[in-house]
Amino acid sequence: MRHRAGYRKLNRFPSHRKMMLRNLLTSLIIHERIVTTEARAKELRRLADRVITWAKKDTLHDWRKVYSLLLSKEAGKHLEEIKDRFEGRDGGYTRIIPLGERRGDGSFQVIIELIKE
C-alpha cells in the first residue's frame, strides 16, 4: 500500500540523498537545465518549487532557508535573478522533458529545466 509514502528514497542513505538533491538543486539553479534520471528529476522538482517559492517571499527567514540548501553563493545570486521571472506564477516553475533510456544501464533519462517566462 502507498499510504503516507512521502518521497522517493532513490536507493540512498538519508544523508547521501539529501546531499545529492542539494547538488542537483544548485546545478539546476546555476545552469537552468540539467540531464538526470526520471526519479531524481521528479524529486528535484518538489524541492526546486519549494525553494523558488521561498525566494519569491523575499523575507530574511526564507532566504536563510534557501541558503541552507544551496551549496554555493553563486547559486543564490542566480536565484535572486530567477525569482523575478516567476512573479505572476504560483508553482510549476520546472519542466521535465523525456529523453529516453541511457545506453549503459537503461535508466530513463530526462531534462529538467526552469521554465522561461
PDB file of N, CA and C in Angstrom:
ATOM      1  N   MET A   1       0.840  -1.187   0.000  1.00  0.00           N
ATOM      2  CA  MET A   1       0.000   0.000   0.000  1.00  0.00           C
ATOM      3  C   MET A   1       0.883   1.247   0.000  1.00  0.00           C
ATOM      4  N   ARG A   2       0.400   2.294  -0.627  1.00  0.00           N
ATOM      5  CA  ARG A   2       1.166   3.532  -0.744  1.00  0.00           C
ATOM      6  C   ARG A   2       0.831   4.544   0.342  1.00  0.00           C
ATOM      7  N   HIS A   3       0.145   4.172   1.370  1.00  0.00           N
ATOM      8  CA  HIS A   3      -0.336   5.148   2.332  1.00  0.00           C
ATOM      9  C   HIS A   3       0.816   5.916   2.964  1.00  0.00           C
ATOM     10  N   ARG A   4       0.732   7.209   2.907  1.00  0.00           N
ATOM     11  CA  ARG A   4       1.682   8.131   3.543  1.00  0.00           C
ATOM     12  C   ARG A   4       3.120   7.950   3.062  1.00  0.00           C
ATOM     13  N   ALA A   5       3.297   7.494   1.845  1.00  0.00           N
ATOM     14  CA  ALA A   5       4.642   7.403   1.267  1.00  0.00           C
ATOM     15  C   ALA A   5       5.017   8.806   0.807  1.00  0.00           C
ATOM     16  N   GLY A   6       5.893   9.473   1.538  1.00  0.00           N
ATOM     17  CA  GLY A   6       6.109  10.895   1.337  1.00  0.00           C
ATOM     18  C   GLY A   6       7.053  11.275   0.220  1.00  0.00           C
ATOM     19  N   TYR A   7       8.075  10.473  -0.053  1.00  0.00           N
ATOM     20  CA  TYR A   7       9.073  10.873  -1.033  1.00  0.00           C
ATOM     21  C   TYR A   7       9.790   9.643  -1.561  1.00  0.00           C
ATOM     22  N   ARG A   8      10.563   9.841  -2.631  1.00  0.00           N
ATOM     23  CA  ARG A   8      11.346   8.752  -3.207  1.00  0.00           C
ATOM     24  C   ARG A   8      12.659   8.637  -2.447  1.00  0.00           C
ATOM     25  N   LYS A   9      13.039   7.421  -2.120  1.00  0.00           N
ATOM     26  CA  LYS A   9      14.268   7.231  -1.347  1.00  0.00           C
ATOM     27  C   LYS A   9      15.496   7.140  -2.243  1.00  0.00           C
ATOM     28  N   LEU A  10      15.306   6.888  -3.512  1.00  0.00           N
ATOM     29  CA  LEU A  10      16.373   6.904  -4.513  1.00  0.00           C
ATOM     30  C   LEU A  10      17.523   5.955  -4.183  1.00  0.00           C
ATOM     31  N   ASN A  11      17.236   4.938  -3.395  1.00  0.00           N
ATOM     32  CA  ASN A  11      18.217   3.888  -3.085  1.00  0.00           C
ATOM     33  C   ASN A  11      19.487   4.449  -2.439  1.00  0.00           C
ATOM     34  N   ARG A  12      19.337   5.459  -1.579  1.00  0.00           N
ATOM     35  CA  ARG A  12      20.467   6.114  -0.921  1.00  0.00           C
ATOM     36  C   ARG A  12      20.206   6.214   0.579  1.00  0.00           C
ATOM     37  N   PHE A  13      21.286   6.351   1.334  1.00  0.00           N
ATOM     38  CA  PHE A  13      21.151   6.692   2.743  1.00  0.00           C
ATOM     39  C   PHE A  13      20.618   8.121   2.835  1.00  0.00           C
ATOM     40  N   PRO A  14      19.927   8.472   3.924  1.00  0.00           N
ATOM     41  CA  PRO A  14      19.330   9.811   4.011  1.00  0.00           C
ATOM     42  C   PRO A  14      20.322  10.953   3.794  1.00  0.00           C
ATOM     43  N   SER A  15      21.505  10.871   4.385  1.00  0.00           N
ATOM     44  CA  SER A  15      22.469  11.964   4.229  1.00  0.00           C
ATOM     45  C   SER A  15      22.948  12.069   2.780  1.00  0.00           C
ATOM     46  N   HIS A  16      23.160  10.926   2.135  1.00  0.00           N
ATOM     47  CA  HIS A  16      23.600  10.921   0.738  1.00  0.00           C
ATOM     48  C   HIS A  16      22.494  11.464  -0.164  1.00  0.00           C
ATOM     49  N   ARG A  17      21.258  11.051   0.094  1.00  0.00           N
ATOM     50  CA  ARG A  17      20.126  11.509  -0.711  1.00  0.00           C
ATOM     51  C   ARG A  17      19.963  13.025  -0.599  1.00  0.00           C
ATOM     52  N   LYS A  18      20.032  13.555   0.617  1.00  0.00           N
ATOM     53  CA  LYS A  18      19.864  14.996   0.807  1.00  0.00           C
ATOM     54  C   LYS A  18      20.971  15.774   0.109  1.00  0.00           C
ATOM     55  N   MET A  19      22.209  15.290   0.222  1.00  0.00           N
ATOM     56  CA  MET A  19      23.315  15.993  -0.416  1.00  0.00           C
ATOM     57  C   MET A  19      23.220  15.898  -1.941  1.00  0.00           C
ATOM     58  N   MET A  20      22.782  14.756  -2.452  1.00  0.00           N
ATOM     59  CA  MET A  20      22.621  14.602  -3.894  1.00  0.00           C
ATOM     60  C   MET A  20      21.562  15.584  -4.412  1.00  0.00           C
ATOM     61  N   LEU A  21      20.446  15.710  -3.691  1.00  0.00           N
ATOM     62  CA  LEU A  21      19.398  16.634  -4.112  1.00  0.00           C
ATOM     63  C   LEU A  21      19.860  18.088  -3.992  1.00  0.00           C
ATOM     64  N   ARG A  22      20.658  18.395  -2.982  1.00  0.00           N
ATOM     65  CA  ARG A  22      21.197  19.749  -2.859  1.00  0.00           C
ATOM     66  C   ARG A  22      22.137  20.056  -4.021  1.00  0.00           C
ATOM     67  N   ASN A  23      22.956  19.081  -4.420  1.00  0.00           N
ATOM     68  CA  ASN A  23      23.841  19.252  -5.577  1.00  0.00           C
ATOM     69  C   ASN A  23      23.036  19.468  -6.852  1.00  0.00           C
ATOM     70  N   LEU A  24      22.006  18.649  -7.051  1.00  0.00           N
ATOM     71  CA  LEU A  24      21.166  18.794  -8.242  1.00  0.00           C
ATOM     72  C   LEU A  24      20.467  20.152  -8.249  1.00  0.00           C
ATOM     73  N   LEU A  25      19.963  20.580  -7.094  1.00  0.00           N
ATOM     74  CA  LEU A  25      19.281  21.868  -6.994  1.00  0.00           C
ATOM     75  C   LEU A  25      20.230  23.014  -7.340  1.00  0.00           C
ATOM     76  N   THR A  26      21.431  22.976  -6.794  1.00  0.00           N
ATOM     77  CA  THR A  26      22.412  24.024  -7.068  1.00  0.00           C
ATOM     78  C   THR A  26      22.755  24.060  -8.558  1.00  0.00           C
ATOM     79  N   SER A  27      22.942  22.900  -9.162  1.00  0.00           N
ATOM     80  CA  SER A  27      23.245  22.840 -10.600  1.00  0.00           C
ATOM     81  C   SER A  27      22.080  23.345 -11.435  1.00  0.00           C
ATOM     82  N   LEU A  28      20.860  22.987 -11.043  1.00  0.00           N
ATOM     83  CA  LEU A  28      19.682  23.432 -11.786  1.00  0.00           C
ATOM     84  C   LEU A  28      19.566  24.952 -11.745  1.00  0.00           C
ATOM     85  N   ILE A  29      19.802  25.545 -10.605  1.00  0.00           N
ATOM     86  CA  ILE A  29      19.671  26.998 -10.488  1.00  0.00           C
ATOM     87  C   ILE A  29      20.779  27.711 -11.264  1.00  0.00           C
ATOM     88  N   ILE A  30      21.985  27.187 -11.228  1.00  0.00           N
ATOM     89  CA  ILE A  30      23.095  27.836 -11.941  1.00  0.00           C
ATOM     90  C   ILE A  30      22.952  27.676 -13.451  1.00  0.00           C
ATOM     91  N   HIS A  31      22.663  26.451 -13.923  1.00  0.00           N
ATOM     92  CA  HIS A  31      22.634  26.179 -15.361  1.00  0.00           C
ATOM     93  C   HIS A  31      21.242  26.281 -15.970  1.00  0.00           C
ATOM     94  N   GLU A  32      20.202  26.277 -15.152  1.00  0.00           N
ATOM     95  CA  GLU A  32      18.796  26.362 -15.542  1.00  0.00           C
ATOM     96  C   GLU A  32      18.305  25.165 -16.340  1.00  0.00           C
ATOM     97  N   ARG A  33      19.155  24.159 -16.555  1.00  0.00           N
ATOM     98  CA  ARG A  33      18.754  22.953 -17.279  1.00  0.00           C
ATOM     99  C   ARG A  33      19.802  21.884 -17.030  1.00  0.00           C
ATOM    100  N   ILE A  34      19.361  20.690 -16.598  1.00  0.00           N
ATOM    101  CA  ILE A  34      20.293  19.590 -16.369  1.00  0.00           C
ATOM    102  C   ILE A  34      19.672  18.290 -16.867  1.00  0.00           C
ATOM    103  N   VAL A  35      20.525  17.315 -17.135  1.00  0.00           N
ATOM    104  CA  VAL A  35      20.091  15.981 -17.547  1.00  0.00           C
ATOM    105  C   VAL A  35      20.303  15.049 -16.363  1.00  0.00           C
ATOM    106  N   THR A  36      19.267  14.292 -16.010  1.00  0.00           N
ATOM    107  CA  THR A  36      19.345  13.357 -14.893  1.00  0.00           C
ATOM    108  C   THR A  36      18.328  12.244 -15.111  1.00  0.00           C
ATOM    109  N   THR A  37      18.209  11.346 -14.148  1.00  0.00           N
ATOM    110  CA  THR A  37      17.230  10.269 -14.278  1.00  0.00           C
ATOM    111  C   THR A  37      15.841  10.783 -13.917  1.00  0.00           C
ATOM    112  N   GLU A  38      14.831  10.046 -14.320  1.00  0.00           N
ATOM    113  CA  GLU A  38      13.453  10.479 -14.106  1.00  0.00           C
ATOM    114  C   GLU A  38      13.107  10.579 -12.624  1.00  0.00           C
ATOM    115  N   ALA A  39      13.491   9.589 -11.833  1.00  0.00           N
ATOM    116  CA  ALA A  39      13.154   9.598 -10.406  1.00  0.00           C
ATOM    117  C   ALA A  39      13.817  10.779  -9.697  1.00  0.00           C
ATOM    118  N   ARG A  40      15.081  11.041 -10.019  1.00  0.00           N
ATOM    119  CA  ARG A  40      15.777  12.175  -9.406  1.00  0.00           C
ATOM    120  C   ARG A  40      15.126  13.489  -9.815  1.00  0.00           C
ATOM    121  N   ALA A  41      14.736  13.598 -11.074  1.00  0.00           N
ATOM    122  CA  ALA A  41      14.118  14.830 -11.566  1.00  0.00           C
ATOM    123  C   ALA A  41      12.781  15.086 -10.881  1.00  0.00           C
ATOM    124  N   LYS A  42      12.000  14.037 -10.678  1.00  0.00           N
ATOM    125  CA  LYS A  42      10.700  14.216 -10.029  1.00  0.00           C
ATOM    126  C   LYS A  42      10.859  14.648  -8.576  1.00  0.00           C
ATOM    127  N   GLU A  43      11.863  14.126  -7.908  1.00  0.00           N
ATOM    128  CA  GLU A  43      12.114  14.531  -6.524  1.00  0.00           C
ATOM    129  C   GLU A  43      12.722  15.935  -6.487  1.00  0.00           C
ATOM    130  N   LEU A  44      13.579  16.240  -7.451  1.00  0.00           N
ATOM    131  CA  LEU A  44      14.180  17.569  -7.529  1.00  0.00           C
ATOM    132  C   LEU A  44      13.128  18.637  -7.811  1.00  0.00           C
ATOM    133  N   ARG A  45      12.125  18.298  -8.606  1.00  0.00           N
ATOM    134  CA  ARG A  45      11.071  19.259  -8.921  1.00  0.00           C
ATOM    135  C   ARG A  45      10.379  19.735  -7.647  1.00  0.00           C
ATOM    136  N   ARG A  46      10.092  18.798  -6.722  1.00  0.00           N
ATOM    137  CA  ARG A  46       9.443  19.168  -5.459  1.00  0.00           C
ATOM    138  C   ARG A  46      10.300  20.162  -4.685  1.00  0.00           C
ATOM    139  N   LEU A  47      11.589  19.877  -4.618  1.00  0.00           N
ATOM    140  CA  LEU A  47      12.500  20.732  -3.859  1.00  0.00           C
ATOM    141  C   LEU A  47      12.682  22.087  -4.539  1.00  0.00           C
ATOM    142  N   ALA A  48      12.853  22.093  -5.845  1.00  0.00           N
ATOM    143  CA  ALA A  48      13.081  23.342  -6.580  1.00  0.00           C
ATOM    144  C   ALA A  48      11.873  24.271  -6.474  1.00  0.00           C
ATOM    145  N   ASP A  49      10.671  23.732  -6.611  1.00  0.00           N
ATOM    146  CA  ASP A  49       9.473  24.566  -6.499  1.00  0.00           C
ATOM    147  C   ASP A  49       9.375  25.188  -5.109  1.00  0.00           C
ATOM    148  N   ARG A  50       9.708  24.418  -4.094  1.00  0.00           N
ATOM    149  CA  ARG A  50       9.659  24.926  -2.722  1.00  0.00           C
ATOM    150  C   ARG A  50      10.685  26.049  -2.526  1.00  0.00           C
ATOM    151  N   VAL A  51      11.899  25.854  -3.027  1.00  0.00           N
ATOM    152  CA  VAL A  51      12.963  26.844  -2.841  1.00  0.00           C
ATOM    153  C   VAL A  51      12.655  28.134  -3.605  1.00  0.00           C
ATOM    154  N   ILE A  52      12.139  28.026  -4.818  1.00  0.00           N
ATOM    155  CA  ILE A  52      11.807  29.226  -5.591  1.00  0.00           C
ATOM    156  C   ILE A  52      10.674  29.988  -4.919  1.00  0.00           C
ATOM    157  N   THR A  53       9.711  29.283  -4.353  1.00  0.00           N
ATOM    158  CA  THR A  53       8.624  29.942  -3.632  1.00  0.00           C
ATOM    159  C   THR A  53       9.166  30.689  -2.417  1.00  0.00           C
ATOM    160  N   TRP A  54      10.112  30.081  -1.690  1.00  0.00           N
ATOM    161  CA  TRP A  54      10.735  30.781  -0.558  1.00  0.00           C
ATOM    162  C   TRP A  54      11.433  32.040  -1.041  1.00  0.00           C
ATOM    163  N   ALA A  55      12.158  31.946  -2.153  1.00  0.00           N
ATOM    164  CA  ALA A  55      12.891  33.104  -2.675  1.00  0.00           C
ATOM    165  C   ALA A  55      11.927  34.221  -3.077  1.00  0.00           C
ATOM    166  N   LYS A  56      10.778  33.855  -3.602  1.00  0.00           N
ATOM    167  CA  LYS A  56       9.794  34.858  -4.012  1.00  0.00           C
ATOM    168  C   LYS A  56       9.208  35.602  -2.819  1.00  0.00           C
ATOM    169  N   LYS A  57       9.104  34.935  -1.661  1.00  0.00           N
ATOM    170  CA  LYS A  57       8.562  35.606  -0.469  1.00  0.00           C
ATOM    171  C   LYS A  57       9.482  36.730  -0.005  1.00  0.00           C
ATOM    172  N   ASP A  58      10.793  36.565  -0.219  1.00  0.00           N
ATOM    173  CA  ASP A  58      11.773  37.627  -0.014  1.00  0.00           C
ATOM    174  C   ASP A  58      11.853  38.126   1.429  1.00  0.00           C
ATOM    175  N   THR A  59      11.696  37.227   2.397  1.00  0.00           N
ATOM    176  CA  THR A  59      11.920  37.590   3.793  1.00  0.00           C
ATOM    177  C   THR A  59      13.271  37.027   4.225  1.00  0.00           C
ATOM    178  N   LEU A  60      13.808  37.572   5.289  1.00  0.00           N
ATOM    179  CA  LEU A  60      15.108  37.125   5.781  1.00  0.00           C
ATOM    180  C   LEU A  60      15.069  35.646   6.152  1.00  0.00           C
ATOM    181  N   HIS A  61      14.006  35.243   6.834  1.00  0.00           N
ATOM    182  CA  HIS A  61      13.881  33.841   7.244  1.00  0.00           C
ATOM    183  C   HIS A  61      13.858  32.912   6.034  1.00  0.00           C
ATOM    184  N   ASP A  62      13.107  33.281   4.996  1.00  0.00           N
ATOM    185  CA  ASP A  62      13.018  32.437   3.805  1.00  0.00           C
ATOM    186  C   ASP A  62      14.352  32.379   3.061  1.00  0.00           C
ATOM    187  N   TRP A  63      15.079  33.497   2.993  1.00  0.00           N
ATOM    188  CA  TRP A  63      16.383  33.468   2.325  1.00  0.00           C
ATOM    189  C   TRP A  63      17.374  32.611   3.099  1.00  0.00           C
ATOM    190  N   ARG A  64      17.263  32.612   4.426  1.00  0.00           N
ATOM    191  CA  ARG A  64      18.143  31.744   5.214  1.00  0.00           C
ATOM    192  C   ARG A  64      17.845  30.279   4.938  1.00  0.00           C
ATOM    193  N   LYS A  65      16.556  29.936   4.759  1.00  0.00           N
ATOM    194  CA  LYS A  65      16.204  28.557   4.401  1.00  0.00           C
ATOM    195  C   LYS A  65      16.768  28.207   3.026  1.00  0.00           C
ATOM    196  N   VAL A  66      16.685  29.145   2.086  1.00  0.00           N
ATOM    197  CA  VAL A  66      17.206  28.913   0.734  1.00  0.00           C
ATOM    198  C   VAL A  66      18.711  28.666   0.785  1.00  0.00           C
ATOM    199  N   TYR A  67      19.442  29.553   1.461  1.00  0.00           N
ATOM    200  CA  TYR A  67      20.899  29.420   1.508  1.00  0.00           C
ATOM    201  C   TYR A  67      21.346  28.200   2.302  1.00  0.00           C
ATOM    202  N   SER A  68      20.492  27.679   3.189  1.00  0.00           N
ATOM    203  CA  SER A  68      20.859  26.459   3.913  1.00  0.00           C
ATOM    204  C   SER A  68      20.846  25.246   2.989  1.00  0.00           C
ATOM    205  N   LEU A  69      20.121  25.325   1.876  1.00  0.00           N
ATOM    206  CA  LEU A  69      20.056  24.210   0.932  1.00  0.00           C
ATOM    207  C   LEU A  69      21.042  24.354  -0.223  1.00  0.00           C
ATOM    208  N   LEU A  70      21.312  25.576  -0.644  1.00  0.00           N
ATOM    209  CA  LEU A  70      22.212  25.780  -1.776  1.00  0.00           C
ATOM    210  C   LEU A  70      23.656  25.567  -1.346  1.00  0.00           C
ATOM    211  N   LEU A  71      24.471  25.067  -2.256  1.00  0.00           N
ATOM    212  CA  LEU A  71      25.855  24.746  -1.932  1.00  0.00           C
ATOM    213  C   LEU A  71      26.839  25.831  -2.345  1.00  0.00           C
ATOM    214  N   SER A  72      26.364  26.887  -3.005  1.00  0.00           N
ATOM    215  CA  SER A  72      27.270  27.972  -3.385  1.00  0.00           C
ATOM    216  C   SER A  72      26.524  29.299  -3.359  1.00  0.00           C
ATOM    217  N   LYS A  73      27.268  30.346  -3.057  1.00  0.00           N
ATOM    218  CA  LYS A  73      26.676  31.683  -3.054  1.00  0.00           C
ATOM    219  C   LYS A  73      26.307  32.104  -4.474  1.00  0.00           C
ATOM    220  N   GLU A  74      27.039  31.577  -5.452  1.00  0.00           N
ATOM    221  CA  GLU A  74      26.755  31.872  -6.860  1.00  0.00           C
ATOM    222  C   GLU A  74      25.325  31.461  -7.210  1.00  0.00           C
ATOM    223  N   ALA A  75      24.891  30.313  -6.706  1.00  0.00           N
ATOM    224  CA  ALA A  75      23.533  29.846  -6.971  1.00  0.00           C
ATOM    225  C   ALA A  75      22.513  30.793  -6.355  1.00  0.00           C
ATOM    226  N   GLY A  76      22.822  31.337  -5.188  1.00  0.00           N
ATOM    227  CA  GLY A  76      21.919  32.297  -4.558  1.00  0.00           C
ATOM    228  C   GLY A  76      21.758  33.549  -5.394  1.00  0.00           C
ATOM    229  N   LYS A  77      22.854  34.012  -5.983  1.00  0.00           N
ATOM    230  CA  LYS A  77      22.791  35.201  -6.844  1.00  0.00           C
ATOM    231  C   LYS A  77      21.944  34.916  -8.085  1.00  0.00           C
ATOM    232  N   HIS A  78      22.105  33.723  -8.654  1.00  0.00           N
ATOM    233  CA  HIS A  78      21.286  33.346  -9.809  1.00  0.00           C
ATOM    234  C   HIS A  78      19.814  33.291  -9.417  1.00  0.00           C
ATOM    235  N   LEU A  79      19.541  32.756  -8.238  1.00  0.00           N
ATOM    236  CA  LEU A  79      18.154  32.620  -7.790  1.00  0.00           C
ATOM    237  C   LEU A  79      17.506  33.984  -7.593  1.00  0.00           C
ATOM    238  N   GLU A  80      18.275  34.973  -7.149  1.00  0.00           N
ATOM    239  CA  GLU A  80      17.728  36.317  -6.994  1.00  0.00           C
ATOM    240  C   GLU A  80      17.282  36.885  -8.339  1.00  0.00           C
ATOM    241  N   GLU A  81      17.984  36.538  -9.416  1.00  0.00           N
ATOM    242  CA  GLU A  81      17.584  36.981 -10.752  1.00  0.00           C
ATOM    243  C   GLU A  81      16.407  36.154 -11.268  1.00  0.00           C
ATOM    244  N   ILE A  82      16.420  34.859 -10.976  1.00  0.00           N
ATOM    245  CA  ILE A  82      15.389  33.951 -11.479  1.00  0.00           C
ATOM    246  C   ILE A  82      14.030  34.228 -10.850  1.00  0.00           C
ATOM    247  N   LYS A  83      14.002  34.579  -9.575  1.00  0.00           N
ATOM    248  CA  LYS A  83      12.729  34.714  -8.863  1.00  0.00           C
ATOM    249  C   LYS A  83      11.824  35.777  -9.482  1.00  0.00           C
ATOM    250  N   ASP A  84      12.419  36.808 -10.070  1.00  0.00           N
ATOM    251  CA  ASP A  84      11.616  37.858 -10.699  1.00  0.00           C
ATOM    252  C   ASP A  84      10.867  37.340 -11.922  1.00  0.00           C
ATOM    253  N   ARG A  85      11.418  36.334 -12.560  1.00  0.00           N
ATOM    254  CA  ARG A  85      10.796  35.745 -13.740  1.00  0.00           C
ATOM    255  C   ARG A  85       9.457  35.078 -13.406  1.00  0.00           C
ATOM    256  N   PHE A  86       9.324  34.612 -12.176  1.00  0.00           N
ATOM    257  CA  PHE A  86       8.147  33.836 -11.788  1.00  0.00           C
ATOM    258  C   PHE A  86       7.181  34.614 -10.897  1.00  0.00           C
ATOM    259  N   GLU A  87       7.204  35.937 -10.947  1.00  0.00           N
ATOM    260  CA  GLU A  87       6.360  36.738 -10.064  1.00  0.00           C
ATOM    261  C   GLU A  87       4.872  36.414 -10.190  1.00  0.00           C
ATOM    262  N   GLY A  88       4.365  36.260 -11.398  1.00  0.00           N
ATOM    263  CA  GLY A  88       2.939  36.018 -11.576  1.00  0.00           C
ATOM    264  C   GLY A  88       2.553  34.552 -11.576  1.00  0.00           C
ATOM    265  N   ARG A  89       3.449  33.692 -11.133  1.00  0.00           N
ATOM    266  CA  ARG A  89       3.216  32.248 -11.230  1.00  0.00           C
ATOM    267  C   ARG A  89       3.236  31.624  -9.838  1.00  0.00           C
ATOM    268  N   ASP A  90       2.266  30.774  -9.548  1.00  0.00           N
ATOM    269  CA  ASP A  90       2.166  30.128  -8.235  1.00  0.00           C
ATOM    270  C   ASP A  90       2.544  28.661  -8.333  1.00  0.00           C
ATOM    271  N   GLY A  91       3.796  28.363  -8.537  1.00  0.00           N
ATOM    272  CA  GLY A  91       4.238  26.971  -8.632  1.00  0.00           C
ATOM    273  C   GLY A  91       4.406  26.547 -10.075  1.00  0.00           C
ATOM    274  N   GLY A  92       4.901  25.331 -10.268  1.00  0.00           N
ATOM    275  CA  GLY A  92       5.121  24.819 -11.615  1.00  0.00           C
ATOM    276  C   GLY A  92       6.248  25.546 -12.315  1.00  0.00           C
ATOM    277  N   TYR A  93       7.368  25.732 -11.626  1.00  0.00           N
ATOM    278  CA  TYR A  93       8.476  26.500 -12.175  1.00  0.00           C
ATOM    279  C   TYR A  93       9.405  25.658 -13.036  1.00  0.00           C
ATOM    280  N   THR A  94       9.224  24.344 -13.033  1.00  0.00           N
ATOM    281  CA  THR A  94      10.123  23.463 -13.777  1.00  0.00           C
ATOM    282  C   THR A  94       9.358  22.646 -14.808  1.00  0.00           C
ATOM    283  N   ARG A  95      10.098  22.159 -15.786  1.00  0.00           N
ATOM    284  CA  ARG A  95       9.530  21.311 -16.837  1.00  0.00           C
ATOM    285  C   ARG A  95      10.426  20.091 -16.968  1.00  0.00           C
ATOM    286  N   ILE A  96       9.816  18.909 -17.121  1.00  0.00           N
ATOM    287  CA  ILE A  96      10.574  17.675 -17.313  1.00  0.00           C
ATOM    288  C   ILE A  96      10.320  17.170 -18.729  1.00  0.00           C
ATOM    289  N   ILE A  97      11.403  17.012 -19.502  1.00  0.00           N
ATOM    290  CA  ILE A  97      11.316  16.575 -20.895  1.00  0.00           C
ATOM    291  C   ILE A  97      11.983  15.206 -21.009  1.00  0.00           C
ATOM    292  N   PRO A  98      11.252  14.169 -21.437  1.00  0.00           N
ATOM    293  CA  PRO A  98      11.848  12.830 -21.538  1.00  0.00           C
ATOM    294  C   PRO A  98      12.867  12.746 -22.676  1.00  0.00           C
ATOM    295  N   LEU A  99      13.957  12.018 -22.426  1.00  0.00           N
ATOM    296  CA  LEU A  99      14.998  11.828 -23.436  1.00  0.00           C
ATOM    297  C   LEU A  99      15.074  10.395 -23.942  1.00  0.00           C
ATOM    298  N   GLY A 100      14.726   9.434 -23.113  1.00  0.00           N
ATOM    299  CA  GLY A 100      14.870   8.029 -23.477  1.00  0.00           C
ATOM    300  C   GLY A 100      15.823   7.334 -22.525  1.00  0.00           C
ATOM    301  N   GLU A 101      16.150   6.105 -22.850  1.00  0.00           N
ATOM    302  CA  GLU A 101      16.968   5.305 -21.944  1.00  0.00           C
ATOM    303  C   GLU A 101      18.454   5.569 -22.144  1.00  0.00           C
ATOM    304  N   ARG A 102      19.186   5.528 -21.039  1.00  0.00           N
ATOM    305  CA  ARG A 102      20.637   5.679 -21.086  1.00  0.00           C
ATOM    306  C   ARG A 102      21.237   4.392 -21.633  1.00  0.00           C
ATOM    307  N   ARG A 103      22.254   4.526 -22.457  1.00  0.00           N
ATOM    308  CA  ARG A 103      22.812   3.367 -23.146  1.00  0.00           C
ATOM    309  C   ARG A 103      23.466   2.372 -22.186  1.00  0.00           C
ATOM    310  N   GLY A 104      24.140   2.856 -21.172  1.00  0.00           N
ATOM    311  CA  GLY A 104      24.900   1.983 -20.292  1.00  0.00           C
ATOM    312  C   GLY A 104      24.057   1.068 -19.431  1.00  0.00           C
ATOM    313  N   ASP A 105      23.038   1.627 -18.768  1.00  0.00           N
ATOM    314  CA  ASP A 105      22.273   0.816 -17.826  1.00  0.00           C
ATOM    315  C   ASP A 105      20.770   0.836 -18.080  1.00  0.00           C
ATOM    316  N   GLY A 106      20.320   1.562 -19.078  1.00  0.00           N
ATOM    317  CA  GLY A 106      18.909   1.541 -19.433  1.00  0.00           C
ATOM    318  C   GLY A 106      18.023   2.398 -18.548  1.00  0.00           C
ATOM    319  N   SER A 107      18.615   3.228 -17.676  1.00  0.00           N
ATOM    320  CA  SER A 107      17.773   4.077 -16.836  1.00  0.00           C
ATOM    321  C   SER A 107      17.206   5.210 -17.692  1.00  0.00           C
ATOM    322  N   PHE A 108      15.984   5.609 -17.377  1.00  0.00           N
ATOM    323  CA  PHE A 108      15.282   6.594 -18.182  1.00  0.00           C
ATOM    324  C   PHE A 108      15.815   7.984 -17.870  1.00  0.00           C
ATOM    325  N   GLN A 109      16.304   8.678 -18.890  1.00  0.00           N
ATOM    326  CA  GLN A 109      16.888  10.000 -18.742  1.00  0.00           C
ATOM    327  C   GLN A 109      15.872  11.083 -19.099  1.00  0.00           C
ATOM    328  N   VAL A 110      15.957  12.214 -18.409  1.00  0.00           N
ATOM    329  CA  VAL A 110      15.102  13.364 -18.693  1.00  0.00           C
ATOM    330  C   VAL A 110      15.935  14.641 -18.590  1.00  0.00           C
ATOM    331  N   ILE A 111      15.405  15.695 -19.186  1.00  0.00           N
ATOM    332  CA  ILE A 111      15.948  17.034 -18.977  1.00  0.00           C
ATOM    333  C   ILE A 111      14.988  17.726 -18.025  1.00  0.00           C
ATOM    334  N   ILE A 112      15.510  18.299 -16.961  1.00  0.00           N
ATOM    335  CA  ILE A 112      14.683  19.139 -16.095  1.00  0.00           C
ATOM    336  C   ILE A 112      15.202  20.557 -16.261  1.00  0.00           C
ATOM    337  N   GLU A 113      14.289  21.491 -16.517  1.00  0.00           N
ATOM    338  CA  GLU A 113      14.702  22.863 -16.767  1.00  0.00           C
ATOM    339  C   GLU A 113      13.739  23.831 -16.109  1.00  0.00           C
ATOM    340  N   LEU A 114      14.242  25.016 -15.839  1.00  0.00           N
ATOM    341  CA  LEU A 114      13.394  26.081 -15.326  1.00  0.00           C
ATOM    342  C   LEU A 114      12.640  26.685 -16.502  1.00  0.00           C
ATOM    343  N   ILE A 115      11.369  26.935 -16.315  1.00  0.00           N
ATOM    344  CA  ILE A 115      10.540  27.482 -17.390  1.00  0.00           C
ATOM    345  C   ILE A 115      10.950  28.927 -17.644  1.00  0.00           C
ATOM    346  N   LYS A 116      11.076  29.285 -18.906  1.00  0.00           N
ATOM    347  CA  LYS A 116      11.404  30.664 -19.265  1.00  0.00           C
ATOM    348  C   LYS A 116      10.097  31.397 -19.511  1.00  0.00           C
ATOM    349  N   GLU A 117       9.882  32.439 -18.735  1.00  0.00           N
ATOM    350  CA  GLU A 117       8.617  33.158 -18.883  1.00  0.00           C
ATOM    351  C   GLU A 117       8.849  34.588 -19.243  1.00  0.00           C
TER     352      GLU A 117
END
